[in-house]
Amino acid sequence: MINVTHTDIVRSYTGKAGCMCGCLGTYRDTDRSKKIALTKLRQMDYKIEFWKSGYGDAGCIHAVNDAGTRTVVAYFDVGAPIFADDVDQATLDAEA
């Protein structure tokens, strides 16, 4: 389970599945849009990706709905506590 709040999110994206340049959806950075994206993601089969970025984010939580028509993405802040407290950090470090 992800352990992220809207304050850990830099920006969110929602739109049609496919290209994410902005032509099929919208990037937003309001608190409301971040909360909506996280609520949707928690109800979906999400994936988490990590990276180093110059844009102030460190990765994202993303999913496509069951019909394959909509994409939801939440880009999280550097240092955000992504996983629930019951995950052992030493185990995660050993897997890296």
PDB file of N, CA and C in Angstrom:
ATOM      1  N   MET A   1       0.840  -1.189   0.000  1.00  0.00           N
ATOM      2  CA  MET A   1       0.000   0.000   0.000  1.00  0.00           C
ATOM      3  C   MET A   1       0.880   1.246   0.000  1.00  0.00           C
ATOM      4  N   ILE A   2       0.501   2.222  -0.794  1.00  0.00           N
ATOM      5  CA  ILE A   2       1.254   3.470  -0.838  1.00  0.00           C
ATOM      6  C   ILE A   2       0.917   4.330   0.371  1.00  0.00           C
ATOM      7  N   ASN A   3       1.909   5.043   0.843  1.00  0.00           N
ATOM      8  CA  ASN A   3       1.772   5.866   2.042  1.00  0.00           C
ATOM      9  C   ASN A   3       2.066   7.319   1.665  1.00  0.00           C
ATOM     10  N   VAL A   4       1.294   7.865   0.741  1.00  0.00           N
ATOM     11  CA  VAL A   4       1.546   9.196   0.210  1.00  0.00           C
ATOM     12  C   VAL A   4       0.311  10.062   0.447  1.00  0.00           C
ATOM     13  N   THR A   5       0.537  11.320   0.777  1.00  0.00           N
ATOM     14  CA  THR A   5      -0.562  12.275   0.861  1.00  0.00           C
ATOM     15  C   THR A   5      -0.415  13.280  -0.274  1.00  0.00           C
ATOM     16  N   HIS A   6      -1.416  14.112  -0.448  1.00  0.00           N
ATOM     17  CA  HIS A   6      -1.355  15.089  -1.547  1.00  0.00           C
ATOM     18  C   HIS A   6      -0.200  16.074  -1.378  1.00  0.00           C
ATOM     19  N   THR A   7       0.276  16.255  -0.139  1.00  0.00           N
ATOM     20  CA  THR A   7       1.401  17.180   0.070  1.00  0.00           C
ATOM     21  C   THR A   7       2.718  16.599  -0.441  1.00  0.00           C
ATOM     22  N   ASP A   8       2.772  15.287  -0.668  1.00  0.00           N
ATOM     23  CA  ASP A   8       3.963  14.637  -1.212  1.00  0.00           C
ATOM     24  C   ASP A   8       3.980  14.650  -2.741  1.00  0.00           C
ATOM     25  N   ILE A   9       2.891  15.108  -3.343  1.00  0.00           N
ATOM     26  CA  ILE A   9       2.750  15.083  -4.795  1.00  0.00           C
ATOM     27  C   ILE A   9       3.144  16.435  -5.384  1.00  0.00           C
ATOM     28  N   VAL A  10       3.947  16.417  -6.435  1.00  0.00           N
ATOM     29  CA  VAL A  10       4.384  17.631  -7.122  1.00  0.00           C
ATOM     30  C   VAL A  10       3.327  18.078  -8.131  1.00  0.00           C
ATOM     31  N   ARG A  11       2.815  17.130  -8.918  1.00  0.00           N
ATOM     32  CA  ARG A  11       1.779  17.417  -9.908  1.00  0.00           C
ATOM     33  C   ARG A  11       1.075  16.117 -10.269  1.00  0.00           C
ATOM     34  N   SER A  12      -0.069  16.240 -10.900  1.00  0.00           N
ATOM     35  CA  SER A  12      -0.811  15.059 -11.328  1.00  0.00           C
ATOM     36  C   SER A  12      -1.160  15.186 -12.808  1.00  0.00           C
ATOM     37  N   TYR A  13      -1.491  14.050 -13.394  1.00  0.00           N
ATOM     38  CA  TYR A  13      -1.901  14.014 -14.790  1.00  0.00           C
ATOM     39  C   TYR A  13      -3.101  13.093 -14.904  1.00  0.00           C
ATOM     40  N   THR A  14      -4.122  13.507 -15.615  1.00  0.00           N
ATOM     41  CA  THR A  14      -5.240  12.633 -15.950  1.00  0.00           C
ATOM     42  C   THR A  14      -5.578  12.856 -17.421  1.00  0.00           C
ATOM     43  N   GLY A  15      -5.899  11.778 -18.093  1.00  0.00           N
ATOM     44  CA  GLY A  15      -6.247  11.907 -19.502  1.00  0.00           C
ATOM     45  C   GLY A  15      -6.500  10.567 -20.147  1.00  0.00           C
ATOM     46  N   LYS A  16      -6.735  10.612 -21.448  1.00  0.00           N
ATOM     47  CA  LYS A  16      -6.939   9.391 -22.218  1.00  0.00           C
ATOM     48  C   LYS A  16      -5.637   8.612 -22.255  1.00  0.00           C
ATOM     49  N   ALA A  17      -5.752   7.298 -22.358  1.00  0.00           N
ATOM     50  CA  ALA A  17      -4.564   6.444 -22.438  1.00  0.00           C
ATOM     51  C   ALA A  17      -3.812   6.734 -23.732  1.00  0.00           C
ATOM     52  N   GLY A  18      -2.501   6.683 -23.665  1.00  0.00           N
ATOM     53  CA  GLY A  18      -1.666   6.934 -24.839  1.00  0.00           C
ATOM     54  C   GLY A  18      -0.647   8.007 -24.550  1.00  0.00           C
ATOM     55  N   CYS A  19      -0.527   8.930 -25.444  1.00  0.00           N
ATOM     56  CA  CYS A  19       0.443  10.012 -25.324  1.00  0.00           C
ATOM     57  C   CYS A  19       0.188  10.829 -24.060  1.00  0.00           C
ATOM     58  N   MET A  20       1.263  11.219 -23.359  1.00  0.00           N
ATOM     59  CA  MET A  20       1.123  12.023 -22.146  1.00  0.00           C
ATOM     60  C   MET A  20       1.811  13.376 -22.289  1.00  0.00           C
ATOM     61  N   CYS A  21       1.907  13.880 -23.520  1.00  0.00           N
ATOM     62  CA  CYS A  21       2.519  15.193 -23.729  1.00  0.00           C
ATOM     63  C   CYS A  21       1.571  16.316 -23.318  1.00  0.00           C
ATOM     64  N   GLY A  22       0.324  15.984 -23.102  1.00  0.00           N
ATOM     65  CA  GLY A  22      -0.681  16.979 -22.753  1.00  0.00           C
ATOM     66  C   GLY A  22      -1.781  17.070 -23.800  1.00  0.00           C
ATOM     67  N   CYS A  23      -1.594  16.404 -24.932  1.00  0.00           N
ATOM     68  CA  CYS A  23      -2.595  16.473 -25.997  1.00  0.00           C
ATOM     69  C   CYS A  23      -3.834  15.633 -25.688  1.00  0.00           C
ATOM     70  N   LEU A  24      -3.696  14.614 -24.827  1.00  0.00           N
ATOM     71  CA  LEU A  24      -4.827  13.751 -24.480  1.00  0.00           C
ATOM     72  C   LEU A  24      -5.288  13.935 -23.036  1.00  0.00           C
ATOM     73  N   GLY A  25      -4.638  14.815 -22.301  1.00  0.00           N
ATOM     74  CA  GLY A  25      -4.989  15.007 -20.903  1.00  0.00           C
ATOM     75  C   GLY A  25      -4.419  16.304 -20.365  1.00  0.00           C
ATOM     76  N   THR A  26      -4.439  16.421 -19.047  1.00  0.00           N
ATOM     77  CA  THR A  26      -4.043  17.674 -18.407  1.00  0.00           C
ATOM     78  C   THR A  26      -3.128  17.421 -17.214  1.00  0.00           C
ATOM     79  N   TYR A  27      -2.064  18.206 -17.127  1.00  0.00           N
ATOM     80  CA  TYR A  27      -1.212  18.235 -15.952  1.00  0.00           C
ATOM     81  C   TYR A  27      -1.735  19.329 -15.029  1.00  0.00           C
ATOM     82  N   ARG A  28      -1.825  19.015 -13.733  1.00  0.00           N
ATOM     83  CA  ARG A  28      -2.316  20.002 -12.765  1.00  0.00           C
ATOM     84  C   ARG A  28      -1.451  19.949 -11.520  1.00  0.00           C
ATOM     85  N   ASP A  29      -1.417  21.074 -10.784  1.00  0.00           N
ATOM     86  CA  ASP A  29      -0.649  21.092  -9.542  1.00  0.00           C
ATOM     87  C   ASP A  29      -1.435  21.682  -8.371  1.00  0.00           C
ATOM     88  N   THR A  30      -2.763  21.651  -8.446  1.00  0.00           N
ATOM     89  CA  THR A  30      -3.581  22.137  -7.333  1.00  0.00           C
ATOM     90  C   THR A  30      -3.746  21.032  -6.291  1.00  0.00           C
ATOM     91  N   ASP A  31      -3.999  21.407  -5.057  1.00  0.00           N
ATOM     92  CA  ASP A  31      -4.227  20.414  -4.005  1.00  0.00           C
ATOM     93  C   ASP A  31      -5.406  19.504  -4.359  1.00  0.00           C
ATOM     94  N   ARG A  32      -6.458  20.098  -4.898  1.00  0.00           N
ATOM     95  CA  ARG A  32      -7.648  19.316  -5.256  1.00  0.00           C
ATOM     96  C   ARG A  32      -7.314  18.248  -6.292  1.00  0.00           C
ATOM     97  N   SER A  33      -6.585  18.613  -7.332  1.00  0.00           N
ATOM     98  CA  SER A  33      -6.251  17.649  -8.386  1.00  0.00           C
ATOM     99  C   SER A  33      -5.336  16.547  -7.862  1.00  0.00           C
ATOM    100  N   LYS A  34      -4.446  16.888  -6.949  1.00  0.00           N
ATOM    101  CA  LYS A  34      -3.557  15.887  -6.353  1.00  0.00           C
ATOM    102  C   LYS A  34      -4.352  14.895  -5.513  1.00  0.00           C
ATOM    103  N   LYS A  35      -5.318  15.397  -4.735  1.00  0.00           N
ATOM    104  CA  LYS A  35      -6.164  14.522  -3.909  1.00  0.00           C
ATOM    105  C   LYS A  35      -7.011  13.602  -4.779  1.00  0.00           C
ATOM    106  N   ILE A  36      -7.574  14.134  -5.847  1.00  0.00           N
ATOM    107  CA  ILE A  36      -8.396  13.321  -6.753  1.00  0.00           C
ATOM    108  C   ILE A  36      -7.555  12.221  -7.392  1.00  0.00           C
ATOM    109  N   ALA A  37      -6.366  12.568  -7.867  1.00  0.00           N
ATOM    110  CA  ALA A  37      -5.491  11.573  -8.500  1.00  0.00           C
ATOM    111  C   ALA A  37      -5.126  10.464  -7.517  1.00  0.00           C
ATOM    112  N   LEU A  38      -4.770  10.820  -6.278  1.00  0.00           N
ATOM    113  CA  LEU A  38      -4.413   9.802  -5.289  1.00  0.00           C
ATOM    114  C   LEU A  38      -5.597   8.914  -4.952  1.00  0.00           C
ATOM    115  N   THR A  39      -6.777   9.492  -4.833  1.00  0.00           N
ATOM    116  CA  THR A  39      -7.979   8.702  -4.547  1.00  0.00           C
ATOM    117  C   THR A  39      -8.229   7.699  -5.658  1.00  0.00           C
ATOM    118  N   LYS A  40      -8.125   8.141  -6.908  1.00  0.00           N
ATOM    119  CA  LYS A  40      -8.316   7.233  -8.042  1.00  0.00           C
ATOM    120  C   LYS A  40      -7.248   6.148  -8.064  1.00  0.00           C
ATOM    121  N   LEU A  41      -5.990   6.526  -7.839  1.00  0.00           N
ATOM    122  CA  LEU A  41      -4.892   5.559  -7.900  1.00  0.00           C
ATOM    123  C   LEU A  41      -5.027   4.476  -6.839  1.00  0.00           C
ATOM    124  N   ARG A  42      -5.475   4.838  -5.660  1.00  0.00           N
ATOM    125  CA  ARG A  42      -5.631   3.848  -4.587  1.00  0.00           C
ATOM    126  C   ARG A  42      -6.696   2.808  -4.918  1.00  0.00           C
ATOM    127  N   GLN A  43      -7.592   3.124  -5.833  1.00  0.00           N
ATOM    128  CA  GLN A  43      -8.655   2.205  -6.238  1.00  0.00           C
ATOM    129  C   GLN A  43      -8.274   1.390  -7.471  1.00  0.00           C
ATOM    130  N   MET A  44      -7.105   1.663  -8.042  1.00  0.00           N
ATOM    131  CA  MET A  44      -6.688   1.021  -9.286  1.00  0.00           C
ATOM    132  C   MET A  44      -5.475   0.120  -9.045  1.00  0.00           C
ATOM    133  N   ASP A  45      -5.140  -0.661 -10.038  1.00  0.00           N
ATOM    134  CA  ASP A  45      -3.943  -1.499 -10.007  1.00  0.00           C
ATOM    135  C   ASP A  45      -2.767  -0.643 -10.463  1.00  0.00           C
ATOM    136  N   TYR A  46      -2.128   0.049  -9.510  1.00  0.00           N
ATOM    137  CA  TYR A  46      -1.110   1.035  -9.850  1.00  0.00           C
ATOM    138  C   TYR A  46       0.290   0.427  -9.903  1.00  0.00           C
ATOM    139  N   LYS A  47       1.193   1.166 -10.532  1.00  0.00           N
ATOM    140  CA  LYS A  47       2.616   0.843 -10.586  1.00  0.00           C
ATOM    141  C   LYS A  47       3.386   2.051 -10.094  1.00  0.00           C
ATOM    142  N   ILE A  48       4.588   1.814  -9.577  1.00  0.00           N
ATOM    143  CA  ILE A  48       5.423   2.897  -9.071  1.00  0.00           C
ATOM    144  C   ILE A  48       6.747   2.872  -9.827  1.00  0.00           C
ATOM    145  N   GLU A  49       7.193   4.035 -10.273  1.00  0.00           N
ATOM    146  CA  GLU A  49       8.482   4.164 -10.948  1.00  0.00           C
ATOM    147  C   GLU A  49       9.299   5.240 -10.252  1.00  0.00           C
ATOM    148  N   PHE A  50      10.606   5.030 -10.174  1.00  0.00           N
ATOM    149  CA  PHE A  50      11.518   5.985  -9.555  1.00  0.00           C
ATOM    150  C   PHE A  50      12.525   6.468 -10.591  1.00  0.00           C
ATOM    151  N   TRP A  51      12.974   7.708 -10.463  1.00  0.00           N
ATOM    152  CA  TRP A  51      14.013   8.258 -11.324  1.00  0.00           C
ATOM    153  C   TRP A  51      14.623   9.488 -10.678  1.00  0.00           C
ATOM    154  N   LYS A  52      15.673   9.986 -11.282  1.00  0.00           N
ATOM    155  CA  LYS A  52      16.271  11.261 -10.877  1.00  0.00           C
ATOM    156  C   LYS A  52      15.860  12.282 -11.920  1.00  0.00           C
ATOM    157  N   SER A  53      15.325  13.415 -11.465  1.00  0.00           N
ATOM    158  CA  SER A  53      14.780  14.403 -12.387  1.00  0.00           C
ATOM    159  C   SER A  53      15.198  15.804 -11.986  1.00  0.00           C
ATOM    160  N   GLY A  54      15.309  16.655 -12.948  1.00  0.00           N
ATOM    161  CA  GLY A  54      15.579  18.055 -12.683  1.00  0.00           C
ATOM    162  C   GLY A  54      14.308  18.874 -12.530  1.00  0.00           C
ATOM    163  N   TYR A  55      13.161  18.203 -12.563  1.00  0.00           N
ATOM    164  CA  TYR A  55      11.875  18.885 -12.480  1.00  0.00           C
ATOM    165  C   TYR A  55      11.285  18.881 -11.074  1.00  0.00           C
ATOM    166  N   GLY A  56      12.036  18.439 -10.071  1.00  0.00           N
ATOM    167  CA  GLY A  56      11.544  18.441  -8.699  1.00  0.00           C
ATOM    168  C   GLY A  56      10.774  17.205  -8.304  1.00  0.00           C
ATOM    169  N   ASP A  57      10.734  16.194  -9.172  1.00  0.00           N
ATOM    170  CA  ASP A  57      10.069  14.949  -8.794  1.00  0.00           C
ATOM    171  C   ASP A  57      11.063  13.802  -8.800  1.00  0.00           C
ATOM    172  N   ALA A  58      10.674  12.711  -8.142  1.00  0.00           N
ATOM    173  CA  ALA A  58      11.567  11.567  -8.018  1.00  0.00           C
ATOM    174  C   ALA A  58      10.959  10.298  -8.583  1.00  0.00           C
ATOM    175  N   GLY A  59       9.797  10.413  -9.175  1.00  0.00           N
ATOM    176  CA  GLY A  59       9.125   9.254  -9.727  1.00  0.00           C
ATOM    177  C   GLY A  59       7.634   9.482  -9.774  1.00  0.00           C
ATOM    178  N   CYS A  60       6.898   8.401 -10.046  1.00  0.00           N
ATOM    179  CA  CYS A  60       5.456   8.558 -10.130  1.00  0.00           C
ATOM    180  C   CYS A  60       4.740   7.271  -9.750  1.00  0.00           C
ATOM    181  N   ILE A  61       3.483   7.437  -9.436  1.00  0.00           N
ATOM    182  CA  ILE A  61       2.555   6.336  -9.224  1.00  0.00           C
ATOM    183  C   ILE A  61       1.564   6.472 -10.371  1.00  0.00           C
ATOM    184  N   HIS A  62       1.390   5.418 -11.156  1.00  0.00           N
ATOM    185  CA  HIS A  62       0.531   5.547 -12.323  1.00  0.00           C
ATOM    186  C   HIS A  62      -0.313   4.307 -12.543  1.00  0.00           C
ATOM    187  N   ALA A  63      -1.429   4.499 -13.248  1.00  0.00           N
ATOM    188  CA  ALA A  63      -2.325   3.392 -13.557  1.00  0.00           C
ATOM    189  C   ALA A  63      -3.182   3.753 -14.760  1.00  0.00           C
ATOM    190  N   VAL A  64      -3.671   2.706 -15.418  1.00  0.00           N
ATOM    191  CA  VAL A  64      -4.648   2.843 -16.493  1.00  0.00           C
ATOM    192  C   VAL A  64      -5.897   2.116 -16.016  1.00  0.00           C
ATOM    193  N   ASN A  65      -7.069   2.688 -16.256  1.00  0.00           N
ATOM    194  CA  ASN A  65      -8.300   2.062 -15.774  1.00  0.00           C
ATOM    195  C   ASN A  65      -8.524   0.704 -16.429  1.00  0.00           C
ATOM    196  N   ASP A  66      -9.477  -0.065 -15.893  1.00  0.00           N
ATOM    197  CA  ASP A  66      -9.739  -1.425 -16.371  1.00  0.00           C
ATOM    198  C   ASP A  66     -10.127  -1.476 -17.848  1.00  0.00           C
ATOM    199  N   ALA A  67     -10.791  -0.442 -18.325  1.00  0.00           N
ATOM    200  CA  ALA A  67     -11.197  -0.407 -19.730  1.00  0.00           C
ATOM    201  C   ALA A  67     -10.039  -0.028 -20.647  1.00  0.00           C
ATOM    202  N   GLY A  68      -8.935   0.447 -20.056  1.00  0.00           N
ATOM    203  CA  GLY A  68      -7.770   0.840 -20.849  1.00  0.00           C
ATOM    204  C   GLY A  68      -7.932   2.168 -21.553  1.00  0.00           C
ATOM    205  N   THR A  69      -8.847   3.007 -21.058  1.00  0.00           N
ATOM    206  CA  THR A  69      -9.140   4.254 -21.747  1.00  0.00           C
ATOM    207  C   THR A  69      -8.627   5.505 -21.034  1.00  0.00           C
ATOM    208  N   ARG A  70      -8.349   5.431 -19.731  1.00  0.00           N
ATOM    209  CA  ARG A  70      -7.935   6.601 -18.951  1.00  0.00           C
ATOM    210  C   ARG A  70      -6.649   6.309 -18.188  1.00  0.00           C
ATOM    211  N   THR A  71      -5.768   7.308 -18.128  1.00  0.00           N
ATOM    212  CA  THR A  71      -4.508   7.222 -17.395  1.00  0.00           C
ATOM    213  C   THR A  71      -4.541   8.224 -16.247  1.00  0.00           C
ATOM    214  N   VAL A  72      -4.050   7.794 -15.079  1.00  0.00           N
ATOM    215  CA  VAL A  72      -3.922   8.671 -13.913  1.00  0.00           C
ATOM    216  C   VAL A  72      -2.486   8.556 -13.416  1.00  0.00           C
ATOM    217  N   VAL A  73      -1.840   9.702 -13.177  1.00  0.00           N
ATOM    218  CA  VAL A  73      -0.456   9.714 -12.714  1.00  0.00           C
ATOM    219  C   VAL A  73      -0.310  10.744 -11.604  1.00  0.00           C
ATOM    220  N   ALA A  74       0.443  10.380 -10.561  1.00  0.00           N
ATOM    221  CA  ALA A  74       0.805  11.322  -9.502  1.00  0.00           C
ATOM    222  C   ALA A  74       2.320  11.319  -9.405  1.00  0.00           C
ATOM    223  N   TYR A  75       2.938  12.460  -9.665  1.00  0.00           N
ATOM    224  CA  TYR A  75       4.393  12.592  -9.594  1.00  0.00           C
ATOM    225  C   TYR A  75       4.757  12.999  -8.169  1.00  0.00           C
ATOM    226  N   PHE A  76       5.561  12.171  -7.491  1.00  0.00           N
ATOM    227  CA  PHE A  76       5.847  12.467  -6.091  1.00  0.00           C
ATOM    228  C   PHE A  76       7.157  13.207  -5.904  1.00  0.00           C
ATOM    229  N   ASP A  77       7.197  13.923  -4.791  1.00  0.00           N
ATOM    230  CA  ASP A  77       8.320  14.779  -4.428  1.00  0.00           C
ATOM    231  C   ASP A  77       9.522  13.940  -3.995  1.00  0.00           C
ATOM    232  N   VAL A  78      10.706  14.484  -4.127  1.00  0.00           N
ATOM    233  CA  VAL A  78      11.926  13.843  -3.651  1.00  0.00           C
ATOM    234  C   VAL A  78      11.807  13.671  -2.130  1.00  0.00           C
ATOM    235  N   GLY A  79      12.071  12.486  -1.631  1.00  0.00           N
ATOM    236  CA  GLY A  79      12.003  12.216  -0.198  1.00  0.00           C
ATOM    237  C   GLY A  79      10.627  11.866   0.312  1.00  0.00           C
ATOM    238  N   ALA A  80       9.643  11.726  -0.563  1.00  0.00           N
ATOM    239  CA  ALA A  80       8.286  11.373  -0.121  1.00  0.00           C
ATOM    240  C   ALA A  80       8.267   9.953   0.427  1.00  0.00           C
ATOM    241  N   PRO A  81       7.550   9.737   1.543  1.00  0.00           N
ATOM    242  CA  PRO A  81       7.434   8.385   2.125  1.00  0.00           C
ATOM    243  C   PRO A  81       6.443   7.562   1.309  1.00  0.00           C
ATOM    244  N   ILE A  82       6.928   6.814   0.348  1.00  0.00           N
ATOM    245  CA  ILE A  82       6.063   6.135  -0.612  1.00  0.00           C
ATOM    246  C   ILE A  82       5.336   4.933  -0.026  1.00  0.00           C
ATOM    247  N   PHE A  83       6.027   4.140   0.762  1.00  0.00           N
ATOM    248  CA  PHE A  83       5.449   2.888   1.216  1.00  0.00           C
ATOM    249  C   PHE A  83       4.927   2.986   2.640  1.00  0.00           C
ATOM    250  N   ALA A  84       4.003   2.085   2.983  1.00  0.00           N
ATOM    251  CA  ALA A  84       3.443   2.030   4.330  1.00  0.00           C
ATOM    252  C   ALA A  84       4.543   1.749   5.343  1.00  0.00           C
ATOM    253  N   ASP A  85       4.290   2.125   6.576  1.00  0.00           N
ATOM    254  CA  ASP A  85       5.297   1.992   7.623  1.00  0.00           C
ATOM    255  C   ASP A  85       5.711   0.552   7.905  1.00  0.00           C
ATOM    256  N   ASP A  86       4.898  -0.428   7.516  1.00  0.00           N
ATOM    257  CA  ASP A  86       5.242  -1.813   7.816  1.00  0.00           C
ATOM    258  C   ASP A  86       6.265  -2.401   6.844  1.00  0.00           C
ATOM    259  N   VAL A  87       6.685  -1.641   5.845  1.00  0.00           N
ATOM    260  CA  VAL A  87       7.718  -2.102   4.922  1.00  0.00           C
ATOM    261  C   VAL A  87       9.082  -1.799   5.530  1.00  0.00           C
ATOM    262  N   ASP A  88       9.927  -2.808   5.583  1.00  0.00           N
ATOM    263  CA  ASP A  88      11.255  -2.665   6.165  1.00  0.00           C
ATOM    264  C   ASP A  88      12.190  -2.009   5.154  1.00  0.00           C
ATOM    265  N   GLN A  89      12.725  -0.838   5.481  1.00  0.00           N
ATOM    266  CA  GLN A  89      13.589  -0.093   4.572  1.00  0.00           C
ATOM    267  C   GLN A  89      14.855  -0.886   4.216  1.00  0.00           C
ATOM    268  N   ALA A  90      15.389  -1.647   5.144  1.00  0.00           N
ATOM    269  CA  ALA A  90      16.595  -2.448   4.877  1.00  0.00           C
ATOM    270  C   ALA A  90      16.316  -3.481   3.776  1.00  0.00           C
ATOM    271  N   THR A  91      15.125  -4.044   3.769  1.00  0.00           N
ATOM    272  CA  THR A  91      14.752  -4.993   2.732  1.00  0.00           C
ATOM    273  C   THR A  91      14.671  -4.311   1.374  1.00  0.00           C
ATOM    274  N   LEU A  92      14.090  -3.114   1.350  1.00  0.00           N
ATOM    275  CA  LEU A  92      14.011  -2.370   0.096  1.00  0.00           C
ATOM    276  C   LEU A  92      15.404  -2.006  -0.422  1.00  0.00           C
ATOM    277  N   ASP A  93      16.289  -1.595   0.486  1.00  0.00           N
ATOM    278  CA  ASP A  93      17.652  -1.240   0.098  1.00  0.00           C
ATOM    279  C   ASP A  93      18.401  -2.447  -0.448  1.00  0.00           C
ATOM    280  N   ALA A  94      18.169  -3.620   0.132  1.00  0.00           N
ATOM    281  CA  ALA A  94      18.861  -4.839  -0.302  1.00  0.00           C
ATOM    282  C   ALA A  94      18.404  -5.262  -1.702  1.00  0.00           C
ATOM    283  N   GLU A  95      17.162  -4.934  -2.048  1.00  0.00           N
ATOM    284  CA  GLU A  95      16.634  -5.298  -3.363  1.00  0.00           C
ATOM    285  C   GLU A  95      17.130  -4.372  -4.466  1.00  0.00           C
ATOM    286  N   ALA A  96      17.611  -3.205  -4.102  1.00  0.00           N
ATOM    287  CA  ALA A  96      18.027  -2.217  -5.111  1.00  0.00           C
ATOM    288  C   ALA A  96      19.300  -2.588  -5.798  1.00  0.00           C
TER     289      ALA A  96
END
